[in-house]
Protein backbone atom coordinates (compact mmCIF):
# COMPACT_ATOMS: atom_id res chain seq x y z
CA UNK A 1 22.99 126.84 217.62
CA UNK A 2 26.09 125.51 219.45
CA UNK A 3 25.00 121.89 218.19
CA UNK A 4 24.32 123.22 214.54
CA UNK A 5 27.84 124.55 214.39
CA UNK A 6 29.30 121.68 215.93
CA UNK A 7 27.27 119.70 213.54
CA UNK A 8 28.38 121.60 210.69
CA UNK A 9 32.10 121.70 211.93
CA UNK A 10 31.89 117.57 211.72
CA UNK A 11 30.30 117.14 208.54
CA UNK A 12 32.96 119.78 206.99
CA UNK A 13 35.88 117.85 208.65
CA UNK A 14 34.86 114.53 207.48
CA UNK A 15 33.93 115.63 204.00
CA UNK A 16 37.23 117.66 203.42
CA UNK A 17 39.51 114.14 202.93
CA UNK A 18 36.95 112.95 200.15
CA UNK A 19 37.09 116.02 198.66
CA UNK A 20 40.55 116.49 198.95
CA UNK A 21 41.01 112.82 197.56
CA UNK A 22 38.78 113.71 194.63
CA UNK A 23 40.92 116.64 193.92
CA UNK A 24 44.01 114.80 193.92
CA UNK A 25 42.92 112.00 191.84
CA UNK A 26 41.42 114.75 189.19
CA UNK A 27 44.85 116.55 189.30
CA UNK A 28 46.86 113.29 188.72
CA UNK A 29 44.79 112.24 185.72
CA UNK A 30 45.10 115.73 184.23
CA UNK A 31 48.58 115.39 184.25
CA UNK A 32 49.01 111.97 182.92
CA UNK A 33 46.50 112.80 180.01
CA UNK A 34 48.45 115.90 179.54
CA UNK A 35 51.67 113.89 179.26
CA UNK A 36 49.84 111.33 176.60
CA UNK A 37 48.40 114.41 174.58
CA UNK A 38 51.99 115.66 174.40
CA UNK A 39 53.26 112.25 173.08
CA UNK A 40 50.21 111.62 170.96
CA UNK A 41 51.10 115.40 169.07
CA UNK A 42 54.54 114.00 168.65
CA UNK A 43 53.71 110.74 167.31
CA UNK A 44 55.95 109.24 169.93
CA UNK A 45 54.50 105.54 170.07
CA UNK A 46 57.41 104.16 172.36
CA UNK A 47 56.51 106.79 174.98
CA UNK A 48 52.80 106.21 174.74
CA UNK A 49 53.45 102.80 174.81
CA UNK A 50 55.36 103.25 177.96
CA UNK A 51 52.37 104.96 180.03
CA UNK A 52 50.14 101.26 179.30
CA UNK A 53 50.58 98.42 181.76
CA UNK A 54 51.90 95.27 180.56
CA UNK A 55 47.98 93.76 181.37
CA UNK A 56 46.36 97.04 179.84
CA UNK A 57 43.39 96.21 177.87
CA UNK A 58 40.57 98.30 175.92
CA UNK A 59 37.17 97.36 175.20
CA UNK A 60 35.33 98.88 172.25
CA UNK A 61 31.76 100.08 171.75
CA UNK A 62 31.35 96.62 170.05
CA UNK A 63 32.45 95.11 173.34
CA UNK A 64 35.68 93.46 171.66
CA UNK A 65 38.67 93.46 173.51
CA UNK A 66 42.36 94.69 172.50
CA UNK A 67 45.29 94.08 174.49
CA UNK A 68 48.39 96.47 175.09
CA UNK A 69 50.25 94.45 172.08
CA UNK A 70 47.19 94.99 169.74
CA UNK A 71 47.14 98.72 171.06
CA UNK A 72 50.47 99.56 170.35
CA UNK A 73 50.43 97.95 166.71
CA UNK A 74 47.35 100.24 165.93
CA UNK A 75 49.64 103.07 166.93
CA UNK A 76 52.60 102.07 164.86
CA UNK A 77 50.21 101.59 161.87
CA UNK A 78 48.21 105.12 162.66
CA UNK A 79 50.98 107.43 163.70
CA UNK A 80 52.66 107.74 160.07
CA UNK A 81 49.11 108.55 158.89
CA UNK A 82 48.59 111.52 161.20
CA UNK A 83 50.15 115.03 161.14
CA UNK A 84 49.55 118.57 162.91
CA UNK A 85 47.92 116.48 165.74
CA UNK A 86 46.03 118.54 168.34
CA UNK A 87 44.90 116.43 171.35
CA UNK A 88 42.96 117.68 174.19
CA UNK A 89 41.68 115.25 177.03
CA UNK A 90 39.10 116.75 179.40
CA UNK A 91 38.53 115.05 182.55
CA UNK A 92 35.05 115.21 183.66
CA UNK A 93 35.37 113.28 186.97
CA UNK A 94 37.89 111.25 188.58
CA UNK A 95 38.36 109.28 191.80
CA UNK A 96 40.96 107.33 193.80
CA UNK A 97 40.90 104.29 195.66
CA UNK A 98 44.44 103.39 197.11
CA UNK A 99 46.60 103.32 194.01
CA UNK A 100 43.92 103.19 191.41
CA UNK A 101 42.19 106.09 189.65
CA UNK A 102 39.14 105.56 187.65
CA UNK A 103 38.42 108.82 185.36
CA UNK A 104 35.86 109.58 182.85
CA UNK A 105 37.37 111.50 179.94
CA UNK A 106 36.57 113.18 176.41
CA UNK A 107 39.16 112.79 173.99
CA UNK A 108 39.02 115.81 171.44
CA UNK A 109 41.42 115.36 168.36
CA UNK A 110 41.93 117.29 165.65
CA UNK A 111 44.83 116.46 162.84
CA UNK A 112 45.55 116.11 159.22
CA UNK A 113 44.92 112.44 158.30
CA UNK A 114 46.62 110.98 154.97
CA UNK A 115 43.66 109.34 152.75
CA UNK A 116 44.48 108.20 149.37
CA UNK A 117 47.82 110.08 149.42
CA UNK A 118 46.45 113.55 150.57
CA UNK A 119 46.30 115.06 153.71
CA UNK A 120 42.88 115.86 154.98
CA UNK A 121 41.82 117.70 158.09
CA UNK A 122 39.56 115.48 160.35
CA UNK A 123 38.20 115.60 163.86
CA UNK A 124 37.47 113.05 166.11
CA UNK A 125 35.91 112.79 169.73
CA UNK A 126 35.60 109.94 171.93
CA UNK A 127 34.26 109.29 175.46
CA UNK A 128 35.58 106.73 177.55
CA UNK A 129 36.34 105.58 181.06
CA UNK A 130 39.82 104.59 181.81
CA UNK A 131 41.45 103.18 185.24
CA UNK A 132 45.11 103.93 185.99
CA UNK A 133 47.15 102.19 188.66
CA UNK A 134 50.21 103.59 190.26
CA UNK A 135 52.89 100.83 189.76
CA UNK A 136 56.91 101.41 190.49
CA UNK A 137 56.04 105.00 191.06
CA UNK A 138 54.53 105.62 187.53
CA UNK A 139 50.45 106.24 186.75
CA UNK A 140 49.95 103.49 183.98
CA UNK A 141 46.59 103.30 181.79
CA UNK A 142 45.38 99.76 183.08
CA UNK A 143 42.10 99.68 181.27
CA UNK A 144 39.89 101.56 179.02
CA UNK A 145 36.22 101.24 178.25
CA UNK A 146 34.79 103.37 175.34
CA UNK A 147 31.53 105.23 175.91
CA UNK A 148 28.85 106.32 173.60
CA UNK A 149 28.55 109.78 172.67
């Protein structure tokens, strides 16, 4: 019985740091996404782009890669055509290794989009894997890879 208790205590002690690290990663990721959602809702392109690392890139479902400059240009073009934005990011998993976090995320956005001069309600759902890095004391998005629904 003592051996079983010792083994159980060892297993618990060995796994606690990993559990805490995973919870830490998820908490950090949720805070960063909450900030990004608030910026989206305000249409704050400057704020959103400040959360992208200088070397940021995204890979779409078609395999094409876009840079930070491409992404910021798209945000500048799209933001004026969106209003009443309600953005939610659901972090399903997050793992941390040193100063990097990899998160699996679902983005659910509801908004009114200007189409042919009229505001139309739209809903969009996207899934992606994203890597963030801690740089100069701030968590920045480094890369995004889109996933199929």
